[in-house]
PDB file of N, CA and C in Angstrom:
ATOM      1  N   MET A   1      18.828   7.125  19.768  1.00  0.00           N
ATOM      2  CA  MET A   1      18.822   8.191  20.719  1.00  0.00           C
ATOM      3  C   MET A   1      19.009   9.337  19.883  1.00  0.00           C
ATOM      4  N   THR A   2      18.421  10.568  20.687  1.00  0.00           N
ATOM      5  CA  THR A   2      18.463  11.812  20.114  1.00  0.00           C
ATOM      6  C   THR A   2      19.401  12.706  20.933  1.00  0.00           C
ATOM      7  N   ILE A   3      20.126  13.537  20.370  1.00  0.00           N
ATOM      8  CA  ILE A   3      21.261  14.617  21.264  1.00  0.00           C
ATOM      9  C   ILE A   3      20.596  15.775  21.136  1.00  0.00           C
ATOM     10  N   GLN A   4      19.712  16.830  21.898  1.00  0.00           N
ATOM     11  CA  GLN A   4      19.303  17.907  21.682  1.00  0.00           C
ATOM     12  C   GLN A   4      20.508  19.069  22.421  1.00  0.00           C
ATOM     13  N   ALA A   5      20.279  19.775  21.893  1.00  0.00           N
ATOM     14  CA  ALA A   5      21.180  21.148  22.641  1.00  0.00           C
ATOM     15  C   ALA A   5      20.492  21.605  23.605  1.00  0.00           C
ATOM     16  N   THR A   6      20.641  21.896  24.594  1.00  0.00           N
ATOM     17  CA  THR A   6      19.948  22.409  26.085  1.00  0.00           C
ATOM     18  C   THR A   6      19.669  24.030  25.773  1.00  0.00           C
ATOM     19  N   ALA A   7      20.755  24.554  25.008  1.00  0.00           N
ATOM     20  CA  ALA A   7      20.572  25.961  24.761  1.00  0.00           C
ATOM     21  C   ALA A   7      19.138  26.606  24.297  1.00  0.00           C
ATOM     22  N   ASN A   8      18.553  25.610  23.462  1.00  0.00           N
ATOM     23  CA  ASN A   8      17.323  25.901  22.976  1.00  0.00           C
ATOM     24  C   ASN A   8      15.886  25.596  23.648  1.00  0.00           C
ATOM     25  N   LYS A   9      16.163  25.266  24.720  1.00  0.00           N
ATOM     26  CA  LYS A   9      15.128  24.877  25.853  1.00  0.00           C
ATOM     27  C   LYS A   9      14.737  25.593  26.986  1.00  0.00           C
ATOM     28  N   ILE A  10      13.315  25.268  26.996  1.00  0.00           N
ATOM     29  CA  ILE A  10      12.450  26.222  27.792  1.00  0.00           C
ATOM     30  C   ILE A  10      12.130  24.951  29.167  1.00  0.00           C
ATOM     31  N   LYS A  11      12.383  25.390  30.299  1.00  0.00           N
ATOM     32  CA  LYS A  11      11.960  24.971  31.369  1.00  0.00           C
ATOM     33  C   LYS A  11      10.732  24.531  31.559  1.00  0.00           C
ATOM     34  N   LYS A  12      10.004  23.994  31.734  1.00  0.00           N
ATOM     35  CA  LYS A  12       8.405  24.172  32.388  1.00  0.00           C
ATOM     36  C   LYS A  12       8.311  22.825  33.101  1.00  0.00           C
ATOM     37  N   SER A  13       6.995  22.867  34.054  1.00  0.00           N
ATOM     38  CA  SER A  13       6.614  22.161  34.934  1.00  0.00           C
ATOM     39  C   SER A  13       5.319  21.889  34.580  1.00  0.00           C
ATOM     40  N   PHE A  14       4.790  20.180  34.491  1.00  0.00           N
ATOM     41  CA  PHE A  14       3.570  19.971  34.221  1.00  0.00           C
ATOM     42  C   PHE A  14       3.116  18.720  35.277  1.00  0.00           C
ATOM     43  N   THR A  15       1.549  19.008  35.580  1.00  0.00           N
ATOM     44  CA  THR A  15       1.238  17.852  36.086  1.00  0.00           C
ATOM     45  C   THR A  15       0.727  16.795  35.308  1.00  0.00           C
ATOM     46  N   LEU A  16       0.731  15.309  35.699  1.00  0.00           N
ATOM     47  CA  LEU A  16       0.502  14.580  34.373  1.00  0.00           C
ATOM     48  C   LEU A  16      -0.323  13.597  35.529  1.00  0.00           C
ATOM     49  N   THR A  17      -1.455  12.513  34.241  1.00  0.00           N
ATOM     50  CA  THR A  17      -1.705  11.595  35.371  1.00  0.00           C
ATOM     51  C   THR A  17      -0.800  10.138  35.084  1.00  0.00           C
ATOM     52  N   PRO A  18      -0.970   9.671  36.414  1.00  0.00           N
ATOM     53  CA  PRO A  18      -0.135   8.710  36.441  1.00  0.00           C
ATOM     54  C   PRO A  18       0.058   7.750  35.213  1.00  0.00           C
ATOM     55  N   GLU A  19      -1.092   7.606  34.201  1.00  0.00           N
ATOM     56  CA  GLU A  19      -1.062   6.705  32.982  1.00  0.00           C
ATOM     57  C   GLU A  19      -0.189   7.481  32.090  1.00  0.00           C
ATOM     58  N   SER A  20      -0.244   9.043  32.070  1.00  0.00           N
ATOM     59  CA  SER A  20       0.529   9.824  31.247  1.00  0.00           C
ATOM     60  C   SER A  20       2.282   9.442  31.468  1.00  0.00           C
ATOM     61  N   VAL A  21       2.374   9.299  32.727  1.00  0.00           N
ATOM     62  CA  VAL A  21       3.520   9.581  33.489  1.00  0.00           C
ATOM     63  C   VAL A  21       3.996   8.020  32.984  1.00  0.00           C
ATOM     64  N   ALA A  22       3.429   6.821  33.202  1.00  0.00           N
ATOM     65  CA  ALA A  22       3.644   5.517  33.007  1.00  0.00           C
ATOM     66  C   ALA A  22       4.236   5.622  31.428  1.00  0.00           C
ATOM     67  N   PHE A  23       3.469   6.092  30.761  1.00  0.00           N
ATOM     68  CA  PHE A  23       3.336   6.135  28.892  1.00  0.00           C
ATOM     69  C   PHE A  23       4.453   6.737  28.569  1.00  0.00           C
ATOM     70  N   LEU A  24       5.013   7.572  29.112  1.00  0.00           N
ATOM     71  CA  LEU A  24       5.976   8.647  29.249  1.00  0.00           C
ATOM     72  C   LEU A  24       7.678   8.070  29.621  1.00  0.00           C
ATOM     73  N   SER A  25       7.285   6.806  30.602  1.00  0.00           N
ATOM     74  CA  SER A  25       8.444   6.293  31.110  1.00  0.00           C
ATOM     75  C   SER A  25       8.729   4.997  29.672  1.00  0.00           C
ATOM     76  N   GLU A  26       7.686   4.766  29.492  1.00  0.00           N
ATOM     77  CA  GLU A  26       7.528   3.642  28.412  1.00  0.00           C
ATOM     78  C   GLU A  26       8.209   4.075  27.336  1.00  0.00           C
ATOM     79  N   THR A  27       8.051   5.422  26.490  1.00  0.00           N
ATOM     80  CA  THR A  27       8.444   5.758  25.617  1.00  0.00           C
ATOM     81  C   THR A  27       9.658   6.047  25.958  1.00  0.00           C
ATOM     82  N   ARG A  28      10.512   6.305  26.900  1.00  0.00           N
ATOM     83  CA  ARG A  28      11.484   6.993  27.357  1.00  0.00           C
ATOM     84  C   ARG A  28      12.196   5.700  26.924  1.00  0.00           C
ATOM     85  N   LEU A  29      11.937   4.563  27.166  1.00  0.00           N
ATOM     86  CA  LEU A  29      12.644   3.122  27.398  1.00  0.00           C
ATOM     87  C   LEU A  29      12.599   2.612  26.043  1.00  0.00           C
ATOM     88  N   ARG A  30      11.539   2.811  25.231  1.00  0.00           N
ATOM     89  CA  ARG A  30      11.296   1.940  23.802  1.00  0.00           C
ATOM     90  C   ARG A  30      12.201   2.857  23.128  1.00  0.00           C
ATOM     91  N   ARG A  31      12.242   4.307  23.012  1.00  0.00           N
ATOM     92  CA  ARG A  31      12.903   5.002  22.023  1.00  0.00           C
ATOM     93  C   ARG A  31      14.296   5.301  22.536  1.00  0.00           C
ATOM     94  N   GLN A  32      14.519   4.864  23.876  1.00  0.00           N
ATOM     95  CA  GLN A  32      15.983   5.295  24.491  1.00  0.00           C
ATOM     96  C   GLN A  32      16.362   6.363  24.665  1.00  0.00           C
ATOM     97  N   ALA A  33      15.596   7.462  24.738  1.00  0.00           N
ATOM     98  CA  ALA A  33      15.376   8.669  24.929  1.00  0.00           C
ATOM     99  C   ALA A  33      16.523   9.111  26.390  1.00  0.00           C
ATOM    100  N   GLY A  34      17.218   9.935  26.514  1.00  0.00           N
ATOM    101  CA  GLY A  34      17.966  10.166  27.701  1.00  0.00           C
ATOM    102  C   GLY A  34      17.232  10.452  28.910  1.00  0.00           C
ATOM    103  N   SER A  35      15.918  11.183  28.525  1.00  0.00           N
ATOM    104  CA  SER A  35      15.169  11.762  29.730  1.00  0.00           C
ATOM    105  C   SER A  35      13.699  11.588  29.179  1.00  0.00           C
ATOM    106  N   ASP A  36      12.926  11.615  30.496  1.00  0.00           N
ATOM    107  CA  ASP A  36      11.401  11.800  30.169  1.00  0.00           C
ATOM    108  C   ASP A  36      11.036  12.841  29.474  1.00  0.00           C
ATOM    109  N   SER A  37      11.892  14.186  29.920  1.00  0.00           N
ATOM    110  CA  SER A  37      12.049  15.196  28.984  1.00  0.00           C
ATOM    111  C   SER A  37      12.100  14.881  27.293  1.00  0.00           C
ATOM    112  N   GLU A  38      13.181  14.883  26.970  1.00  0.00           N
ATOM    113  CA  GLU A  38      13.347  14.214  25.589  1.00  0.00           C
ATOM    114  C   GLU A  38      12.428  13.215  25.000  1.00  0.00           C
ATOM    115  N   ALA A  39      11.723  12.173  25.754  1.00  0.00           N
ATOM    116  CA  ALA A  39      10.827  11.322  25.388  1.00  0.00           C
ATOM    117  C   ALA A  39       9.537  12.172  25.437  1.00  0.00           C
ATOM    118  N   LEU A  40       9.336  13.032  26.189  1.00  0.00           N
ATOM    119  CA  LEU A  40       8.289  13.911  25.298  1.00  0.00           C
ATOM    120  C   LEU A  40       8.227  14.957  24.733  1.00  0.00           C
ATOM    121  N   ASP A  41       9.551  15.333  24.673  1.00  0.00           N
ATOM    122  CA  ASP A  41       9.636  16.122  23.294  1.00  0.00           C
ATOM    123  C   ASP A  41       9.305  15.400  21.752  1.00  0.00           C
ATOM    124  N   LEU A  42       9.816  14.478  21.709  1.00  0.00           N
ATOM    125  CA  LEU A  42       9.715  13.543  20.581  1.00  0.00           C
ATOM    126  C   LEU A  42       7.972  13.375  20.779  1.00  0.00           C
ATOM    127  N   LEU A  43       7.503  12.614  21.706  1.00  0.00           N
ATOM    128  CA  LEU A  43       6.045  12.680  21.038  1.00  0.00           C
ATOM    129  C   LEU A  43       5.108  13.789  20.349  1.00  0.00           C
ATOM    130  N   LEU A  44       5.916  14.970  21.309  1.00  0.00           N
ATOM    131  CA  LEU A  44       5.311  16.159  20.716  1.00  0.00           C
ATOM    132  C   LEU A  44       5.593  16.654  19.176  1.00  0.00           C
ATOM    133  N   ARG A  45       6.783  16.085  19.071  1.00  0.00           N
ATOM    134  CA  ARG A  45       7.468  16.540  17.425  1.00  0.00           C
ATOM    135  C   ARG A  45       6.568  15.647  16.907  1.00  0.00           C
ATOM    136  N   GLU A  46       6.029  14.594  16.774  1.00  0.00           N
ATOM    137  CA  GLU A  46       5.253  13.509  16.281  1.00  0.00           C
ATOM    138  C   GLU A  46       4.212  14.354  16.308  1.00  0.00           C
ATOM    139  N   LEU A  47       3.823  14.264  17.147  1.00  0.00           N
ATOM    140  CA  LEU A  47       2.246  15.186  17.226  1.00  0.00           C
ATOM    141  C   LEU A  47       2.439  16.113  15.828  1.00  0.00           C
ATOM    142  N   MET A  48       3.178  16.975  16.113  1.00  0.00           N
ATOM    143  CA  MET A  48       3.353  18.298  15.329  1.00  0.00           C
ATOM    144  C   MET A  48       3.379  18.066  13.552  1.00  0.00           C
ATOM    145  N   LEU A  49       4.211  17.132  13.477  1.00  0.00           N
ATOM    146  CA  LEU A  49       4.423  16.562  12.339  1.00  0.00           C
ATOM    147  C   LEU A  49       3.199  15.680  11.814  1.00  0.00           C
ATOM    148  N   GLU A  50       2.298  15.136  12.365  1.00  0.00           N
ATOM    149  CA  GLU A  50       1.441  14.446  12.157  1.00  0.00           C
ATOM    150  C   GLU A  50       0.240  15.769  11.994  1.00  0.00           C
ATOM    151  N   ALA A  51       0.107  16.370  12.585  1.00  0.00           N
ATOM    152  CA  ALA A  51      -0.993  17.637  12.685  1.00  0.00           C
ATOM    153  C   ALA A  51      -0.452  18.528  10.778  1.00  0.00           C
ATOM    154  N   LYS A  52       0.890  18.822  10.794  1.00  0.00           N
ATOM    155  CA  LYS A  52       1.140  19.505   9.755  1.00  0.00           C
ATOM    156  C   LYS A  52       0.955  18.566   8.226  1.00  0.00           C
ATOM    157  N   ARG A  53       1.135  17.136   8.476  1.00  0.00           N
ATOM    158  CA  ARG A  53       0.956  16.334   7.122  1.00  0.00           C
ATOM    159  C   ARG A  53      -0.914  16.399   7.083  1.00  0.00           C
ATOM    160  N   ARG A  54      -1.895  16.563   8.491  1.00  0.00           N
ATOM    161  CA  ARG A  54      -3.270  16.367   7.688  1.00  0.00           C
ATOM    162  C   ARG A  54      -3.197  17.891   7.427  1.00  0.00           C
ATOM    163  N   GLN A  55      -2.862  18.811   7.719  1.00  0.00           N
ATOM    164  CA  GLN A  55      -3.162  20.437   7.228  1.00  0.00           C
ATOM    165  C   GLN A  55      -2.727  20.309   5.515  1.00  0.00           C
ATOM    166  N   LEU A  56      -1.465  19.945   5.341  1.00  0.00           N
ATOM    167  CA  LEU A  56      -0.916  19.224   4.008  1.00  0.00           C
ATOM    168  C   LEU A  56      -2.527  18.614   3.142  1.00  0.00           C
ATOM    169  N   ASP A  57      -2.493  17.586   3.753  1.00  0.00           N
ATOM    170  CA  ASP A  57      -3.894  16.553   3.227  1.00  0.00           C
ATOM    171  C   ASP A  57      -4.886  17.394   2.713  1.00  0.00           C
ATOM    172  N   ALA A  58      -5.597  17.728   3.864  1.00  0.00           N
ATOM    173  CA  ALA A  58      -6.782  19.180   3.815  1.00  0.00           C
ATOM    174  C   ALA A  58      -6.692  19.795   2.704  1.00  0.00           C
ATOM    175  N   ALA A  59      -5.353  20.563   2.926  1.00  0.00           N
ATOM    176  CA  ALA A  59      -5.348  21.892   1.649  1.00  0.00           C
ATOM    177  C   ALA A  59      -5.493  20.753   0.004  1.00  0.00           C
ATOM    178  N   TYR A  60      -4.668  19.686   0.176  1.00  0.00           N
ATOM    179  CA  TYR A  60      -4.373  19.044  -1.611  1.00  0.00           C
ATOM    180  C   TYR A  60      -6.237  18.612  -1.679  1.00  0.00           C
ATOM    181  N   THR A  61      -6.802  17.992  -0.390  1.00  0.00           N
ATOM    182  CA  THR A  61      -7.974  17.529  -0.811  1.00  0.00           C
ATOM    183  C   THR A  61      -8.756  18.556  -1.260  1.00  0.00           C
ATOM    184  N   ASP A  62      -8.978  19.906  -0.446  1.00  0.00           N
ATOM    185  CA  ASP A  62      -9.828  20.997  -0.833  1.00  0.00           C
ATOM    186  C   ASP A  62      -9.314  21.322  -2.350  1.00  0.00           C
ATOM    187  N   TYR A  63      -8.041  21.395  -2.480  1.00  0.00           N
ATOM    188  CA  TYR A  63      -8.071  22.012  -4.081  1.00  0.00           C
ATOM    189  C   TYR A  63      -8.491  21.095  -5.035  1.00  0.00           C
ATOM    190  N   TYR A  64      -8.066  20.116  -4.729  1.00  0.00           N
ATOM    191  CA  TYR A  64      -8.785  19.129  -5.671  1.00  0.00           C
ATOM    192  C   TYR A  64     -10.075  19.148  -5.702  1.00  0.00           C
ATOM    193  N   ASP A  65     -10.917  18.977  -4.696  1.00  0.00           N
ATOM    194  CA  ASP A  65     -12.065  19.219  -4.465  1.00  0.00           C
ATOM    195  C   ASP A  65     -12.870  20.257  -5.112  1.00  0.00           C
ATOM    196  N   THR A  66     -11.868  21.576  -5.292  1.00  0.00           N
ATOM    197  CA  THR A  66     -12.634  22.738  -6.100  1.00  0.00           C
ATOM    198  C   THR A  66     -12.296  23.151  -7.460  1.00  0.00           C
ATOM    199  N   ALA A  67     -11.228  22.447  -7.761  1.00  0.00           N
ATOM    200  CA  ALA A  67     -10.728  22.458  -8.859  1.00  0.00           C
ATOM    201  C   ALA A  67     -11.086  22.261 -10.257  1.00  0.00           C
ATOM    202  N   SER A  68     -11.121  23.144 -11.422  1.00  0.00           N
ATOM    203  CA  SER A  68     -12.428  22.948 -12.719  1.00  0.00           C
ATOM    204  C   SER A  68     -11.798  21.932 -13.269  1.00  0.00           C
ATOM    205  N   ASP A  69     -12.649  21.172 -13.929  1.00  0.00           N
ATOM    206  CA  ASP A  69     -12.421  20.041 -15.038  1.00  0.00           C
ATOM    207  C   ASP A  69     -11.336  20.563 -15.860  1.00  0.00           C
ATOM    208  N   GLU A  70     -10.868  21.550 -16.365  1.00  0.00           N
ATOM    209  CA  GLU A  70      -9.852  22.175 -17.080  1.00  0.00           C
ATOM    210  C   GLU A  70      -8.934  22.022 -16.532  1.00  0.00           C
ATOM    211  N   GLU A  71      -8.671  22.350 -15.211  1.00  0.00           N
ATOM    212  CA  GLU A  71      -7.310  22.469 -14.482  1.00  0.00           C
ATOM    213  C   GLU A  71      -6.814  20.578 -13.955  1.00  0.00           C
ATOM    214  N   LEU A  72      -8.047  20.255 -13.447  1.00  0.00           N
ATOM    215  CA  LEU A  72      -7.692  18.640 -13.475  1.00  0.00           C
ATOM    216  C   LEU A  72      -7.452  17.918 -14.631  1.00  0.00           C
ATOM    217  N   ALA A  73      -8.082  18.168 -16.045  1.00  0.00           N
ATOM    218  CA  ALA A  73      -7.327  17.744 -17.336  1.00  0.00           C
ATOM    219  C   ALA A  73      -5.788  18.082 -17.379  1.00  0.00           C
ATOM    220  N   GLU A  74      -5.291  19.614 -17.230  1.00  0.00           N
ATOM    221  CA  GLU A  74      -4.148  20.028 -17.265  1.00  0.00           C
ATOM    222  C   GLU A  74      -3.107  18.863 -16.051  1.00  0.00           C
ATOM    223  N   HIS A  75      -3.525  18.840 -15.085  1.00  0.00           N
ATOM    224  CA  HIS A  75      -2.698  18.228 -14.087  1.00  0.00           C
ATOM    225  C   HIS A  75      -2.722  16.928 -14.743  1.00  0.00           C
ATOM    226  N   ALA A  76      -3.545  16.196 -15.180  1.00  0.00           N
ATOM    227  CA  ALA A  76      -3.382  14.799 -15.674  1.00  0.00           C
ATOM    228  C   ALA A  76      -2.369  14.535 -17.101  1.00  0.00           C
ATOM    229  N   GLU A  77      -2.328  15.785 -17.663  1.00  0.00           N
ATOM    230  CA  GLU A  77      -1.796  15.915 -19.331  1.00  0.00           C
ATOM    231  C   GLU A  77      -0.412  16.080 -18.511  1.00  0.00           C
ATOM    232  N   TRP A  78      -0.311  16.885 -17.715  1.00  0.00           N
ATOM    233  CA  TRP A  78       1.233  16.949 -17.383  1.00  0.00           C
ATOM    234  C   TRP A  78       2.218  15.778 -16.416  1.00  0.00           C
ATOM    235  N   ALA A  79       0.728  14.731 -15.830  1.00  0.00           N
ATOM    236  CA  ALA A  79       1.469  13.615 -14.901  1.00  0.00           C
ATOM    237  C   ALA A  79       1.738  12.897 -16.155  1.00  0.00           C
ATOM    238  N   ARG A  80       0.921  12.590 -17.427  1.00  0.00           N
ATOM    239  CA  ARG A  80       1.294  11.730 -18.676  1.00  0.00           C
ATOM    240  C   ARG A  80       2.541  12.070 -19.117  1.00  0.00           C
ATOM    241  N   MET A  81       2.461  13.338 -19.421  1.00  0.00           N
ATOM    242  CA  MET A  81       4.136  13.833 -20.335  1.00  0.00           C
ATOM    243  C   MET A  81       5.405  13.503 -19.092  1.00  0.00           C
ATOM    244  N   VAL A  82       5.128  13.917 -18.028  1.00  0.00           N
ATOM    245  CA  VAL A  82       6.361  14.309 -17.342  1.00  0.00           C
ATOM    246  C   VAL A  82       6.741  12.753 -16.098  1.00  0.00           C
ATOM    247  N   GLY A  83       5.580  11.914 -16.215  1.00  0.00           N
ATOM    248  CA  GLY A  83       5.631  10.879 -15.030  1.00  0.00           C
ATOM    249  C   GLY A  83       6.516  10.045 -15.661  1.00  0.00           C
ATOM    250  N   PRO A  84       6.623   9.327 -16.562  1.00  0.00           N
ATOM    251  CA  PRO A  84       7.653   8.310 -17.299  1.00  0.00           C
ATOM    252  C   PRO A  84       9.102   8.697 -17.072  1.00  0.00           C
ATOM    253  N   ASN A  85       9.120  10.150 -17.596  1.00  0.00           N
ATOM    254  CA  ASN A  85      10.566  10.384 -17.813  1.00  0.00           C
ATOM    255  C   ASN A  85      11.045  10.816 -15.788  1.00  0.00           C
ATOM    256  N   ILE A  86      10.270  10.906 -15.280  1.00  0.00           N
ATOM    257  CA  ILE A  86      11.029  11.133 -14.057  1.00  0.00           C
ATOM    258  C   ILE A  86      11.665  10.109 -13.206  1.00  0.00           C
ATOM    259  N   LEU A  87      10.844   8.620 -13.570  1.00  0.00           N
ATOM    260  CA  LEU A  87      11.875   7.619 -13.571  1.00  0.00           C
ATOM    261  C   LEU A  87      12.926   7.162 -14.152  1.00  0.00           C
ATOM    262  N   ILE A  88      12.564   7.361 -15.349  1.00  0.00           N
ATOM    263  CA  ILE A  88      13.853   7.611 -16.318  1.00  0.00           C
ATOM    264  C   ILE A  88      15.283   8.034 -15.893  1.00  0.00           C
ATOM    265  N   ASP A  89      14.727   9.563 -15.308  1.00  0.00           N
ATOM    266  CA  ASP A  89      16.050  10.097 -14.754  1.00  0.00           C
ATOM    267  C   ASP A  89      16.359   9.631 -13.199  1.00  0.00           C
ATOM    268  N   ILE A  90      15.666   9.163 -12.689  1.00  0.00           N
ATOM    269  CA  ILE A  90      15.860   8.775 -11.363  1.00  0.00           C
ATOM    270  C   ILE A  90      16.890   7.621 -11.528  1.00  0.00           C
ATOM    271  N   GLU A  91      16.251   6.743 -12.467  1.00  0.00           N
ATOM    272  CA  GLU A  91      17.433   5.542 -12.890  1.00  0.00           C
ATOM    273  C   GLU A  91      18.314   5.842 -13.186  1.00  0.00           C
ATOM    274  N   GLN A  92      18.652   6.923 -14.513  1.00  0.00           N
ATOM    275  CA  GLN A  92      19.947   7.367 -14.549  1.00  0.00           C
ATOM    276  C   GLN A  92      20.942   7.904 -13.748  1.00  0.00           C
ATOM    277  N   ALA A  93      20.233   8.867 -12.862  1.00  0.00           N
ATOM    278  CA  ALA A  93      20.675   9.469 -11.486  1.00  0.00           C
ATOM    279  C   ALA A  93      21.676   8.343 -10.813  1.00  0.00           C
ATOM    280  N   GLU A  94      20.916   6.871 -10.484  1.00  0.00           N
ATOM    281  CA  GLU A  94      21.378   6.080  -9.471  1.00  0.00           C
ATOM    282  C   GLU A  94      22.340   5.407 -10.169  1.00  0.00           C
ATOM    283  N   ALA A  95      22.526   5.255 -11.481  1.00  0.00           N
ATOM    284  CA  ALA A  95      23.203   4.151 -12.395  1.00  0.00           C
ATOM    285  C   ALA A  95      24.741   5.013 -12.630  1.00  0.00           C
ATOM    286  N   GLU A  96      24.309   6.420 -12.131  1.00  0.00           N
ATOM    287  CA  GLU A  96      25.869   7.083 -12.200  1.00  0.00           C
ATOM    288  C   GLU A  96      26.849   7.060 -11.183  1.00  0.00           C
ATOM    289  N   PRO A  97      28.012   6.962 -11.367  1.00  0.00           N
ATOM    290  CA  PRO A  97      29.060   6.909 -10.083  1.00  0.00           C
ATOM    291  C   PRO A  97      28.981   8.300  -9.346  1.00  0.00           C
TER     292      PRO A  97
END
C-alpha cells in the first residue's frame, strides 16, 4: 500500500466504461490501494515508467544501429577491460563489514 501526499494532487473527473471501472476496482483490491484514485495513479505511473523504458531502449538501439565499427570496437574493448573488474569490486564491497 502506498501513502501519497494530498497536497500535490489535482482533482479531476473522468467518465469511464464499466469495464475500466471494474479493472480499476480489481487493481485497487489487488494492490491494496486506499482508493480507486490511488489505484489509477499507480497504473498511470507504471505506464509512464514503461514509456520511459521504451524511449531509453529506442535510444540505445538507435545509437548502436548508427554507431561506427570503430565506436563499437571501442565499447567492446572497454567492456573487456572493465567488465571483470566491476564484478570483483562488487564482491569486495559486499564482503566488507
